[in-house]
Amino acid sequence: MTTPAPATPELRLTHAHGDRIDLRAGEVTLFSYVYKPESAWEAPKPYLHPLRTLSGGVVTDYRPNDHRWHKGLQLTASHLSGQNLWGGNTYVHGEGYLPLPERVGSMSHESFDEVSAADGRAVIAERLVWRNYHGDPWADESRRIEIHDLDTSAGAWTLTWSSAITNRRDETLRFGSPTTAGREMAGYTGLFWRGPRGFRGGRLLSPELEGEELMGTQAPWVAYSGEFDSVDGHATVVFAHAPENEHTGDGGEHPAHWFVRSDPFAAVAPSWAFHEELLLPPGDTLTRRWRVVVADGSWERDDITDHLKRQPW
């Protein structure tokens, strides 16, 4: 007798206007999308936390004591034409990290174009404005977060994040990182995930490499597997580039260099300016699309490759 596949849980959105949007799959809240501004020192911006597996395991951290501005999964810009839309201290070559509040900007929520859930798919479409410390609008962002492919057999679900950032200034926006500012192997910027404290020392994988040797390299995807505190089990979070993402520097066909950490904390970011600045002229639009798979269990390369193949772009 064939055992029937587990039923796919229904997706339901709850919107606390001016604060957050919660997405539930059955009895589990897969995430909260928080867009209410928080501390100015932490470069206020929307974020996803807690992010959970289908079994309810939490795979993000929020305001850890080492970096209070690390909040789940969020889009960041650590160095942007002299401003810091990352949060906290700013790296200055030769002087280290300095408290420079006059450089800390924000990404402010403006409106939602769509907040919906139906037929196994949910959408959050939002308009934001990127601002400098003084509140001047530097860029407009059109953001779309789609949740799809809930796979109860695999114990996984997928989030696709799309952002289009248009330069509103009369001069070029320069996207950089601590590495473009002079600090070696610290190219964090762009989409950034901070894993929970229990994921410290977890496993990093790409199609060809493993562990910290991934830092600063290029690859179409990177996965992080860690073990939960409090409850038994592991989870794997996979980050993948869309085929249309363009890499503007030297070094091959893959669109970005990866910032990764497993110690002293878990972190992954497909950096858009690891080794070289990315330049966005006035009126031009930078578009990026990434996929994040949140899965129960510790996945191997073949598991990841096969799963991604079943979800064509």
C-alpha atoms as a PDB file:
ATOM      1  CA  MET A   1       0.000   0.000   0.000  1.00  0.00           C
ATOM      2  CA  THR A   2       1.412   3.375  -1.015  1.00  0.00           C
ATOM      3  CA  THR A   3       1.697   5.934   1.776  1.00  0.00           C
ATOM      4  CA  PRO A   4       0.071   9.222   0.691  1.00  0.00           C
ATOM      5  CA  ALA A   5       2.270  12.323   0.581  1.00  0.00           C
ATOM      6  CA  PRO A   6       1.795  14.750   3.481  1.00  0.00           C
ATOM      7  CA  ALA A   7      -0.779  17.445   2.795  1.00  0.00           C
ATOM      8  CA  THR A   8       0.623  20.847   1.862  1.00  0.00           C
ATOM      9  CA  PRO A   9      -0.297  23.365   4.587  1.00  0.00           C
ATOM     10  CA  GLU A  10      -2.361  26.403   3.636  1.00  0.00           C
ATOM     11  CA  LEU A  11      -0.554  29.764   3.566  1.00  0.00           C
ATOM     12  CA  ARG A  12      -2.165  32.585   5.560  1.00  0.00           C
ATOM     13  CA  LEU A  13      -1.025  36.192   5.968  1.00  0.00           C
ATOM     14  CA  THR A  14      -1.753  38.429   8.958  1.00  0.00           C
ATOM     15  CA  HIS A  15      -0.937  42.138   8.589  1.00  0.00           C
ATOM     16  CA  ALA A  16      -0.468  44.317  11.655  1.00  0.00           C
ATOM     17  CA  HIS A  17      -0.505  47.594   9.742  1.00  0.00           C
ATOM     18  CA  GLY A  18       2.451  49.862  10.404  1.00  0.00           C
ATOM     19  CA  ASP A  19       4.361  47.064  12.096  1.00  0.00           C
ATOM     20  CA  ARG A  20       4.705  43.608  10.498  1.00  0.00           C
ATOM     21  CA  ILE A  21       3.320  40.871   8.291  1.00  0.00           C
ATOM     22  CA  ASP A  22       3.239  37.280   9.550  1.00  0.00           C
ATOM     23  CA  LEU A  23       3.045  34.293   7.203  1.00  0.00           C
ATOM     24  CA  ARG A  24       1.713  30.997   8.542  1.00  0.00           C
ATOM     25  CA  ALA A  25       1.848  27.566   6.933  1.00  0.00           C
ATOM     26  CA  GLY A  26      -0.603  25.458   8.895  1.00  0.00           C
ATOM     27  CA  GLU A  27       0.341  25.859  12.567  1.00  0.00           C
ATOM     28  CA  VAL A  28       3.847  27.255  11.905  1.00  0.00           C
ATOM     29  CA  THR A  29       4.645  30.939  11.392  1.00  0.00           C
ATOM     30  CA  LEU A  30       7.256  30.753   8.633  1.00  0.00           C
ATOM     31  CA  PHE A  31       8.362  34.343   9.180  1.00  0.00           C
ATOM     32  CA  SER A  32       7.536  37.836  10.317  1.00  0.00           C
ATOM     33  CA  TYR A  33       8.317  40.640   7.877  1.00  0.00           C
ATOM     34  CA  VAL A  34       8.951  43.620  10.162  1.00  0.00           C
ATOM     35  CA  TYR A  35       8.894  47.039   8.516  1.00  0.00           C
ATOM     36  CA  LYS A  36       8.315  49.322  11.508  1.00  0.00           C
ATOM     37  CA  PRO A  37      11.472  51.484  11.957  1.00  0.00           C
ATOM     38  CA  GLU A  38      13.751  50.577  14.840  1.00  0.00           C
ATOM     39  CA  SER A  39      16.865  52.175  16.369  1.00  0.00           C
ATOM     40  CA  ALA A  40      18.466  54.852  14.172  1.00  0.00           C
ATOM     41  CA  TRP A  41      21.944  53.590  15.119  1.00  0.00           C
ATOM     42  CA  GLU A  42      21.038  50.217  13.581  1.00  0.00           C
ATOM     43  CA  ALA A  43      20.187  51.728  10.158  1.00  0.00           C
ATOM     44  CA  PRO A  44      16.411  51.094  10.212  1.00  0.00           C
ATOM     45  CA  LYS A  45      15.231  48.791   7.439  1.00  0.00           C
ATOM     46  CA  PRO A  46      12.711  45.957   7.014  1.00  0.00           C
ATOM     47  CA  TYR A  47      13.804  42.422   7.871  1.00  0.00           C
ATOM     48  CA  LEU A  48      12.543  38.842   8.098  1.00  0.00           C
ATOM     49  CA  HIS A  49      12.723  37.318  11.598  1.00  0.00           C
ATOM     50  CA  PRO A  50      12.103  34.795  12.935  1.00  0.00           C
ATOM     51  CA  LEU A  51      12.522  32.672   9.817  1.00  0.00           C
ATOM     52  CA  ARG A  52      11.420  29.067  10.426  1.00  0.00           C
ATOM     53  CA  THR A  53      11.501  25.648   8.807  1.00  0.00           C
ATOM     54  CA  LEU A  54       8.258  23.765   8.166  1.00  0.00           C
ATOM     55  CA  SER A  55       8.794  21.938  11.474  1.00  0.00           C
ATOM     56  CA  GLY A  56       9.079  25.249  13.331  1.00  0.00           C
ATOM     57  CA  GLY A  57      12.863  25.438  13.826  1.00  0.00           C
ATOM     58  CA  VAL A  58      14.182  29.033  13.884  1.00  0.00           C
ATOM     59  CA  VAL A  59      17.039  29.718  11.424  1.00  0.00           C
ATOM     60  CA  THR A  60      17.691  33.432  12.068  1.00  0.00           C
ATOM     61  CA  ASP A  61      19.014  35.602  14.893  1.00  0.00           C
ATOM     62  CA  TYR A  62      17.913  39.069  16.021  1.00  0.00           C
ATOM     63  CA  ARG A  63      20.058  41.816  17.578  1.00  0.00           C
ATOM     64  CA  PRO A  64      22.831  39.487  18.845  1.00  0.00           C
ATOM     65  CA  ASN A  65      25.151  41.004  21.445  1.00  0.00           C
ATOM     66  CA  ASP A  66      28.070  41.142  18.989  1.00  0.00           C
ATOM     67  CA  HIS A  67      26.182  43.062  16.260  1.00  0.00           C
ATOM     68  CA  ARG A  68      22.870  44.591  17.332  1.00  0.00           C
ATOM     69  CA  TRP A  69      22.089  45.586  13.733  1.00  0.00           C
ATOM     70  CA  HIS A  70      22.083  41.955  12.519  1.00  0.00           C
ATOM     71  CA  LYS A  71      18.384  41.155  12.111  1.00  0.00           C
ATOM     72  CA  GLY A  72      17.362  37.908  10.442  1.00  0.00           C
ATOM     73  CA  LEU A  73      17.380  38.209   6.656  1.00  0.00           C
ATOM     74  CA  GLN A  74      17.591  41.746   5.287  1.00  0.00           C
ATOM     75  CA  LEU A  75      18.865  43.800   2.382  1.00  0.00           C
ATOM     76  CA  THR A  76      21.788  46.005   3.407  1.00  0.00           C
ATOM     77  CA  ALA A  77      24.322  48.459   1.997  1.00  0.00           C
ATOM     78  CA  SER A  78      27.356  48.699   4.245  1.00  0.00           C
ATOM     79  CA  HIS A  79      29.152  51.380   2.198  1.00  0.00           C
ATOM     80  CA  LEU A  80      27.078  53.585  -0.098  1.00  0.00           C
ATOM     81  CA  SER A  81      28.794  56.759  -1.319  1.00  0.00           C
ATOM     82  CA  GLY A  82      30.101  57.452   2.180  1.00  0.00           C
ATOM     83  CA  GLN A  83      26.908  56.428   3.984  1.00  0.00           C
ATOM     84  CA  ASN A  84      26.270  53.305   6.079  1.00  0.00           C
ATOM     85  CA  LEU A  85      22.921  51.582   5.496  1.00  0.00           C
ATOM     86  CA  TRP A  86      24.205  48.509   7.336  1.00  0.00           C
ATOM     87  CA  GLY A  87      24.152  49.822  10.890  1.00  0.00           C
ATOM     88  CA  GLY A  88      26.524  50.297  13.795  1.00  0.00           C
ATOM     89  CA  ASN A  89      30.110  51.489  13.471  1.00  0.00           C
ATOM     90  CA  THR A  90      31.570  52.369  10.071  1.00  0.00           C
ATOM     91  CA  TYR A  91      34.852  50.929   8.802  1.00  0.00           C
ATOM     92  CA  VAL A  92      37.451  53.609   7.965  1.00  0.00           C
ATOM     93  CA  HIS A  93      40.729  52.377   6.512  1.00  0.00           C
ATOM     94  CA  GLY A  94      43.657  52.888   8.874  1.00  0.00           C
ATOM     95  CA  GLU A  95      41.364  53.716  11.801  1.00  0.00           C
ATOM     96  CA  GLY A  96      39.152  50.630  12.070  1.00  0.00           C
ATOM     97  CA  TYR A  97      35.473  50.726  13.015  1.00  0.00           C
ATOM     98  CA  LEU A  98      34.357  54.130  14.275  1.00  0.00           C
ATOM     99  CA  PRO A  99      31.080  55.421  15.737  1.00  0.00           C
ATOM    100  CA  LEU A 100      30.003  57.814  12.991  1.00  0.00           C
ATOM    101  CA  PRO A 101      26.259  58.364  13.417  1.00  0.00           C
ATOM    102  CA  GLU A 102      26.298  61.075  10.760  1.00  0.00           C
ATOM    103  CA  ARG A 103      26.917  58.319   8.196  1.00  0.00           C
ATOM    104  CA  VAL A 104      24.158  55.919   9.276  1.00  0.00           C
ATOM    105  CA  GLY A 105      21.150  56.029   6.936  1.00  0.00           C
ATOM    106  CA  SER A 106      17.980  53.993   6.488  1.00  0.00           C
ATOM    107  CA  MET A 107      15.708  52.123   4.085  1.00  0.00           C
ATOM    108  CA  SER A 108      12.219  53.406   4.823  1.00  0.00           C
ATOM    109  CA  HIS A 109       8.974  51.608   4.030  1.00  0.00           C
ATOM    110  CA  GLU A 110       6.700  53.741   1.853  1.00  0.00           C
ATOM    111  CA  SER A 111       3.830  51.514   0.709  1.00  0.00           C
ATOM    112  CA  PHE A 112       2.739  48.031  -0.301  1.00  0.00           C
ATOM    113  CA  ASP A 113       1.653  47.220  -3.840  1.00  0.00           C
ATOM    114  CA  GLU A 114       0.498  43.724  -2.874  1.00  0.00           C
ATOM    115  CA  VAL A 115       0.131  41.578   0.223  1.00  0.00           C
ATOM    116  CA  SER A 116      -1.569  38.307  -0.687  1.00  0.00           C
ATOM    117  CA  ALA A 117      -1.644  34.549  -0.174  1.00  0.00           C
ATOM    118  CA  ALA A 118      -3.499  32.069  -2.384  1.00  0.00           C
ATOM    119  CA  ASP A 119      -3.011  28.709  -4.084  1.00  0.00           C
ATOM    120  CA  GLY A 120       0.179  27.810  -2.236  1.00  0.00           C
ATOM    121  CA  ARG A 121       1.904  31.114  -2.964  1.00  0.00           C
ATOM    122  CA  ALA A 122       2.307  34.352  -0.995  1.00  0.00           C
ATOM    123  CA  VAL A 123       3.517  37.773  -2.154  1.00  0.00           C
ATOM    124  CA  ILE A 124       4.751  40.871  -0.363  1.00  0.00           C
ATOM    125  CA  ALA A 125       5.420  43.687  -2.880  1.00  0.00           C
ATOM    126  CA  GLU A 126       6.752  46.869  -1.320  1.00  0.00           C
ATOM    127  CA  ARG A 127       8.115  50.300  -2.201  1.00  0.00           C
ATOM    128  CA  LEU A 128      10.959  51.733  -0.145  1.00  0.00           C
ATOM    129  CA  VAL A 129      13.204  54.802  -0.164  1.00  0.00           C
ATOM    130  CA  TRP A 130      16.885  54.608   0.711  1.00  0.00           C
ATOM    131  CA  ARG A 131      17.902  57.683   2.704  1.00  0.00           C
ATOM    132  CA  ASN A 132      21.110  59.200   4.025  1.00  0.00           C
ATOM    133  CA  TYR A 133      21.559  60.249   7.654  1.00  0.00           C
ATOM    134  CA  HIS A 134      19.717  63.536   7.039  1.00  0.00           C
ATOM    135  CA  GLY A 135      16.740  61.755   5.495  1.00  0.00           C
ATOM    136  CA  ASP A 136      17.465  62.824   1.918  1.00  0.00           C
ATOM    137  CA  PRO A 137      16.128  60.308  -0.631  1.00  0.00           C
ATOM    138  CA  TRP A 138      19.025  58.675  -2.459  1.00  0.00           C
ATOM    139  CA  ALA A 139      17.322  55.714  -4.127  1.00  0.00           C
ATOM    140  CA  ASP A 140      13.902  54.165  -4.731  1.00  0.00           C
ATOM    141  CA  GLU A 141      13.511  50.426  -4.274  1.00  0.00           C
ATOM    142  CA  SER A 142      10.794  48.177  -5.623  1.00  0.00           C
ATOM    143  CA  ARG A 143      10.908  44.934  -3.610  1.00  0.00           C
ATOM    144  CA  ARG A 144       9.014  41.688  -4.156  1.00  0.00           C
ATOM    145  CA  ILE A 145       9.194  38.716  -1.797  1.00  0.00           C
ATOM    146  CA  GLU A 146       7.474  35.561  -3.017  1.00  0.00           C
ATOM    147  CA  ILE A 147       6.966  32.377  -1.002  1.00  0.00           C
ATOM    148  CA  HIS A 148       6.363  29.258  -3.036  1.00  0.00           C
ATOM    149  CA  ASP A 149       7.141  25.558  -3.506  1.00  0.00           C
ATOM    150  CA  LEU A 150       6.187  24.292  -0.074  1.00  0.00           C
ATOM    151  CA  ASP A 151       7.443  20.724  -0.267  1.00  0.00           C
ATOM    152  CA  THR A 152       6.367  18.705   2.756  1.00  0.00           C
ATOM    153  CA  SER A 153       8.052  15.564   1.417  1.00  0.00           C
ATOM    154  CA  ALA A 154      11.422  17.343   1.308  1.00  0.00           C
ATOM    155  CA  GLY A 155      10.657  19.370   4.437  1.00  0.00           C
ATOM    156  CA  ALA A 156      11.436  22.611   2.620  1.00  0.00           C
ATOM    157  CA  TRP A 157       9.945  25.852   1.361  1.00  0.00           C
ATOM    158  CA  THR A 158      11.300  28.587  -0.902  1.00  0.00           C
ATOM    159  CA  LEU A 159      11.499  32.367  -0.795  1.00  0.00           C
ATOM    160  CA  THR A 160      12.426  34.451  -3.843  1.00  0.00           C
ATOM    161  CA  TRP A 161      13.596  38.020  -3.141  1.00  0.00           C
ATOM    162  CA  SER A 162      13.635  40.552  -6.004  1.00  0.00           C
ATOM    163  CA  SER A 163      14.838  44.147  -5.660  1.00  0.00           C
ATOM    164  CA  ALA A 164      15.134  46.970  -8.185  1.00  0.00           C
ATOM    165  CA  ILE A 165      17.042  50.013  -6.832  1.00  0.00           C
ATOM    166  CA  THR A 166      16.918  53.270  -8.836  1.00  0.00           C
ATOM    167  CA  ASN A 167      19.437  56.050  -8.202  1.00  0.00           C
ATOM    168  CA  ARG A 168      17.600  59.323  -7.417  1.00  0.00           C
ATOM    169  CA  ARG A 169      20.742  61.417  -6.990  1.00  0.00           C
ATOM    170  CA  ASP A 170      22.415  63.688  -9.525  1.00  0.00           C
ATOM    171  CA  GLU A 171      25.644  61.743  -9.093  1.00  0.00           C
ATOM    172  CA  THR A 172      26.695  58.097  -9.233  1.00  0.00           C
ATOM    173  CA  LEU A 173      25.900  55.873  -6.278  1.00  0.00           C
ATOM    174  CA  ARG A 174      28.949  53.866  -5.248  1.00  0.00           C
ATOM    175  CA  PHE A 175      28.104  50.519  -3.642  1.00  0.00           C
ATOM    176  CA  GLY A 176      31.052  49.258  -1.620  1.00  0.00           C
ATOM    177  CA  SER A 177      32.037  47.154   1.400  1.00  0.00           C
ATOM    178  CA  PRO A 178      34.721  47.167   4.098  1.00  0.00           C
ATOM    179  CA  THR A 179      36.932  45.313   1.610  1.00  0.00           C
ATOM    180  CA  THR A 180      36.576  47.992  -1.073  1.00  0.00           C
ATOM    181  CA  ALA A 181      37.407  50.428   1.746  1.00  0.00           C
ATOM    182  CA  GLY A 182      40.627  48.554   2.578  1.00  0.00           C
ATOM    183  CA  ARG A 183      39.802  45.701   4.992  1.00  0.00           C
ATOM    184  CA  GLU A 184      40.700  42.294   3.575  1.00  0.00           C
ATOM    185  CA  MET A 185      38.053  39.584   3.220  1.00  0.00           C
ATOM    186  CA  ALA A 186      35.213  41.629   4.731  1.00  0.00           C
ATOM    187  CA  GLY A 187      33.102  42.196   1.648  1.00  0.00           C
ATOM    188  CA  TYR A 188      29.727  42.067   3.386  1.00  0.00           C
ATOM    189  CA  THR A 189      26.899  44.024   1.790  1.00  0.00           C
ATOM    190  CA  GLY A 190      23.690  43.249  -0.100  1.00  0.00           C
ATOM    191  CA  LEU A 191      21.315  40.493   0.996  1.00  0.00           C
ATOM    192  CA  PHE A 192      22.511  39.338   4.421  1.00  0.00           C
ATOM    193  CA  TRP A 193      21.484  36.378   6.597  1.00  0.00           C
ATOM    194  CA  ARG A 194      22.469  36.032  10.244  1.00  0.00           C
ATOM    195  CA  GLY A 195      22.003  32.541  11.616  1.00  0.00           C
ATOM    196  CA  PRO A 196      21.037  31.694  15.223  1.00  0.00           C
ATOM    197  CA  ARG A 197      23.676  31.316  17.929  1.00  0.00           C
ATOM    198  CA  GLY A 198      23.367  27.517  17.879  1.00  0.00           C
ATOM    199  CA  PHE A 199      24.431  27.421  14.208  1.00  0.00           C
ATOM    200  CA  ARG A 200      27.959  28.560  15.087  1.00  0.00           C
ATOM    201  CA  GLY A 201      30.439  26.079  13.646  1.00  0.00           C
ATOM    202  CA  GLY A 202      27.938  24.815  11.074  1.00  0.00           C
ATOM    203  CA  ARG A 203      28.684  23.468   7.619  1.00  0.00           C
ATOM    204  CA  LEU A 204      29.174  25.689   4.568  1.00  0.00           C
ATOM    205  CA  LEU A 205      28.859  24.195   1.071  1.00  0.00           C
ATOM    206  CA  SER A 206      28.985  25.364  -2.529  1.00  0.00           C
ATOM    207  CA  PRO A 207      29.041  23.214  -5.676  1.00  0.00           C
ATOM    208  CA  GLU A 208      32.836  22.835  -5.404  1.00  0.00           C
ATOM    209  CA  LEU A 209      34.071  24.120  -2.030  1.00  0.00           C
ATOM    210  CA  GLU A 210      33.362  23.661   1.661  1.00  0.00           C
ATOM    211  CA  GLY A 211      33.902  25.698   4.818  1.00  0.00           C
ATOM    212  CA  GLU A 212      35.583  29.070   5.257  1.00  0.00           C
ATOM    213  CA  GLU A 213      37.504  28.632   1.990  1.00  0.00           C
ATOM    214  CA  LEU A 214      34.272  29.855   0.378  1.00  0.00           C
ATOM    215  CA  MET A 215      34.943  33.395   1.642  1.00  0.00           C
ATOM    216  CA  GLY A 216      35.325  35.788  -1.269  1.00  0.00           C
ATOM    217  CA  THR A 217      34.776  33.135  -3.945  1.00  0.00           C
ATOM    218  CA  GLN A 218      32.151  32.924  -6.674  1.00  0.00           C
ATOM    219  CA  ALA A 219      29.470  30.254  -6.960  1.00  0.00           C
ATOM    220  CA  PRO A 220      25.858  30.004  -8.158  1.00  0.00           C
ATOM    221  CA  TRP A 221      24.720  28.878  -4.702  1.00  0.00           C
ATOM    222  CA  VAL A 222      25.892  28.497  -1.107  1.00  0.00           C
ATOM    223  CA  ALA A 223      24.275  26.421   1.645  1.00  0.00           C
ATOM    224  CA  TYR A 224      24.616  26.555   5.424  1.00  0.00           C
ATOM    225  CA  SER A 225      23.633  23.641   7.691  1.00  0.00           C
ATOM    226  CA  GLY A 226      23.422  23.992  11.453  1.00  0.00           C
ATOM    227  CA  GLU A 227      22.036  22.234  14.530  1.00  0.00           C
ATOM    228  CA  PHE A 228      19.255  23.730  16.619  1.00  0.00           C
ATOM    229  CA  ASP A 229      19.473  24.647  20.261  1.00  0.00           C
ATOM    230  CA  SER A 230      16.478  23.712  22.444  1.00  0.00           C
ATOM    231  CA  VAL A 231      15.010  21.187  19.978  1.00  0.00           C
ATOM    232  CA  ASP A 232      16.531  18.168  18.244  1.00  0.00           C
ATOM    233  CA  GLY A 233      17.505  18.342  14.605  1.00  0.00           C
ATOM    234  CA  HIS A 234      19.311  20.308  11.921  1.00  0.00           C
ATOM    235  CA  ALA A 235      18.332  22.775   9.221  1.00  0.00           C
ATOM    236  CA  THR A 236      19.846  23.833   5.897  1.00  0.00           C
ATOM    237  CA  VAL A 237      19.453  27.268   4.331  1.00  0.00           C
ATOM    238  CA  VAL A 238      20.363  27.530   0.642  1.00  0.00           C
ATOM    239  CA  PHE A 239      21.080  30.852  -1.095  1.00  0.00           C
ATOM    240  CA  ALA A 240      21.042  30.958  -4.916  1.00  0.00           C
ATOM    241  CA  HIS A 241      21.497  33.599  -7.608  1.00  0.00           C
ATOM    242  CA  ALA A 242      18.996  34.148 -10.404  1.00  0.00           C
ATOM    243  CA  PRO A 243      20.512  33.600 -13.858  1.00  0.00           C
ATOM    244  CA  GLU A 244      20.027  37.254 -14.841  1.00  0.00           C
ATOM    245  CA  ASN A 245      22.083  38.652 -11.958  1.00  0.00           C
ATOM    246  CA  GLU A 246      25.088  40.344 -13.498  1.00  0.00           C
ATOM    247  CA  HIS A 247      28.607  40.438 -12.121  1.00  0.00           C
ATOM    248  CA  THR A 248      30.212  43.786 -12.933  1.00  0.00           C
ATOM    249  CA  GLY A 249      33.838  42.966 -12.073  1.00  0.00           C
ATOM    250  CA  ASP A 250      36.455  40.508 -13.268  1.00  0.00           C
ATOM    251  CA  GLY A 251      36.336  36.844 -12.429  1.00  0.00           C
ATOM    252  CA  GLY A 252      33.899  34.689 -14.374  1.00  0.00           C
ATOM    253  CA  GLU A 253      30.267  34.052 -15.054  1.00  0.00           C
ATOM    254  CA  HIS A 254      28.891  33.876 -11.513  1.00  0.00           C
ATOM    255  CA  PRO A 255      27.292  37.119 -10.390  1.00  0.00           C
ATOM    256  CA  ALA A 256      28.875  37.825  -7.019  1.00  0.00           C
ATOM    257  CA  HIS A 257      31.468  36.903  -4.468  1.00  0.00           C
ATOM    258  CA  TRP A 258      30.174  35.316  -1.288  1.00  0.00           C
ATOM    259  CA  PHE A 259      30.691  36.591   2.223  1.00  0.00           C
ATOM    260  CA  VAL A 260      30.433  33.631   4.603  1.00  0.00           C
ATOM    261  CA  ARG A 261      31.069  32.946   8.274  1.00  0.00           C
ATOM    262  CA  SER A 262      30.627  29.896  10.474  1.00  0.00           C
ATOM    263  CA  ASP A 263      32.722  31.203  13.366  1.00  0.00           C
ATOM    264  CA  PRO A 264      32.263  33.204  15.574  1.00  0.00           C
ATOM    265  CA  PHE A 265      28.749  33.332  14.099  1.00  0.00           C
ATOM    266  CA  ALA A 266      26.754  32.013  11.158  1.00  0.00           C
ATOM    267  CA  ALA A 267      26.337  34.418   8.243  1.00  0.00           C
ATOM    268  CA  VAL A 268      25.926  34.351   4.458  1.00  0.00           C
ATOM    269  CA  ALA A 269      25.699  37.231   1.987  1.00  0.00           C
ATOM    270  CA  PRO A 270      25.874  37.219  -1.824  1.00  0.00           C
ATOM    271  CA  SER A 271      27.854  40.467  -1.845  1.00  0.00           C
ATOM    272  CA  TRP A 272      27.308  42.843  -4.712  1.00  0.00           C
ATOM    273  CA  ALA A 273      30.564  44.686  -3.981  1.00  0.00           C
ATOM    274  CA  PHE A 274      33.041  42.327  -2.335  1.00  0.00           C
ATOM    275  CA  HIS A 275      36.331  43.217  -4.069  1.00  0.00           C
ATOM    276  CA  GLU A 276      35.209  46.081  -6.309  1.00  0.00           C
ATOM    277  CA  GLU A 277      32.745  48.933  -6.025  1.00  0.00           C
ATOM    278  CA  LEU A 278      29.538  48.668  -8.008  1.00  0.00           C
ATOM    279  CA  LEU A 279      28.641  51.964  -9.702  1.00  0.00           C
ATOM    280  CA  LEU A 280      25.041  53.041 -10.365  1.00  0.00           C
ATOM    281  CA  PRO A 281      24.763  56.207 -12.505  1.00  0.00           C
ATOM    282  CA  PRO A 282      21.967  58.743 -11.945  1.00  0.00           C
ATOM    283  CA  GLY A 283      18.581  57.416 -13.053  1.00  0.00           C
ATOM    284  CA  ASP A 284      19.852  53.865 -13.587  1.00  0.00           C
ATOM    285  CA  THR A 285      18.340  50.834 -11.867  1.00  0.00           C
ATOM    286  CA  LEU A 286      20.184  47.956 -10.221  1.00  0.00           C
ATOM    287  CA  THR A 287      18.145  44.729 -10.269  1.00  0.00           C
ATOM    288  CA  ARG A 288      18.893  41.584  -8.284  1.00  0.00           C
ATOM    289  CA  ARG A 289      16.986  38.388  -7.590  1.00  0.00           C
ATOM    290  CA  TRP A 290      17.914  35.686  -5.100  1.00  0.00           C
ATOM    291  CA  ARG A 291      16.347  32.446  -3.929  1.00  0.00           C
ATOM    292  CA  VAL A 292      16.420  31.163  -0.356  1.00  0.00           C
ATOM    293  CA  VAL A 293      15.432  27.564   0.432  1.00  0.00           C
ATOM    294  CA  VAL A 294      14.684  26.828   4.099  1.00  0.00           C
ATOM    295  CA  ALA A 295      14.840  23.099   4.830  1.00  0.00           C
ATOM    296  CA  ASP A 296      14.706  20.725   7.752  1.00  0.00           C
ATOM    297  CA  GLY A 297      17.695  18.377   7.966  1.00  0.00           C
ATOM    298  CA  SER A 298      21.349  18.548   7.001  1.00  0.00           C
ATOM    299  CA  TRP A 299      21.452  18.448   3.187  1.00  0.00           C
ATOM    300  CA  GLU A 300      24.315  17.210   1.021  1.00  0.00           C
ATOM    301  CA  ARG A 301      25.371  18.645  -2.348  1.00  0.00           C
ATOM    302  CA  ASP A 302      23.255  16.186  -4.313  1.00  0.00           C
ATOM    303  CA  ASP A 303      20.187  17.040  -2.216  1.00  0.00           C
ATOM    304  CA  ILE A 304      20.694  20.740  -2.881  1.00  0.00           C
ATOM    305  CA  THR A 305      21.424  20.379  -6.586  1.00  0.00           C
ATOM    306  CA  ASP A 306      18.419  18.131  -7.168  1.00  0.00           C
ATOM    307  CA  HIS A 307      16.092  20.424  -5.228  1.00  0.00           C
ATOM    308  CA  LEU A 308      17.213  23.541  -7.093  1.00  0.00           C
ATOM    309  CA  LYS A 309      16.755  21.775 -10.433  1.00  0.00           C
ATOM    310  CA  ARG A 310      13.124  21.124  -9.524  1.00  0.00           C
ATOM    311  CA  GLN A 311      12.572  24.861  -9.119  1.00  0.00           C
ATOM    312  CA  PRO A 312      13.555  26.502 -12.419  1.00  0.00           C
ATOM    313  CA  TRP A 313      13.649  30.288 -12.497  1.00  0.00           C
END
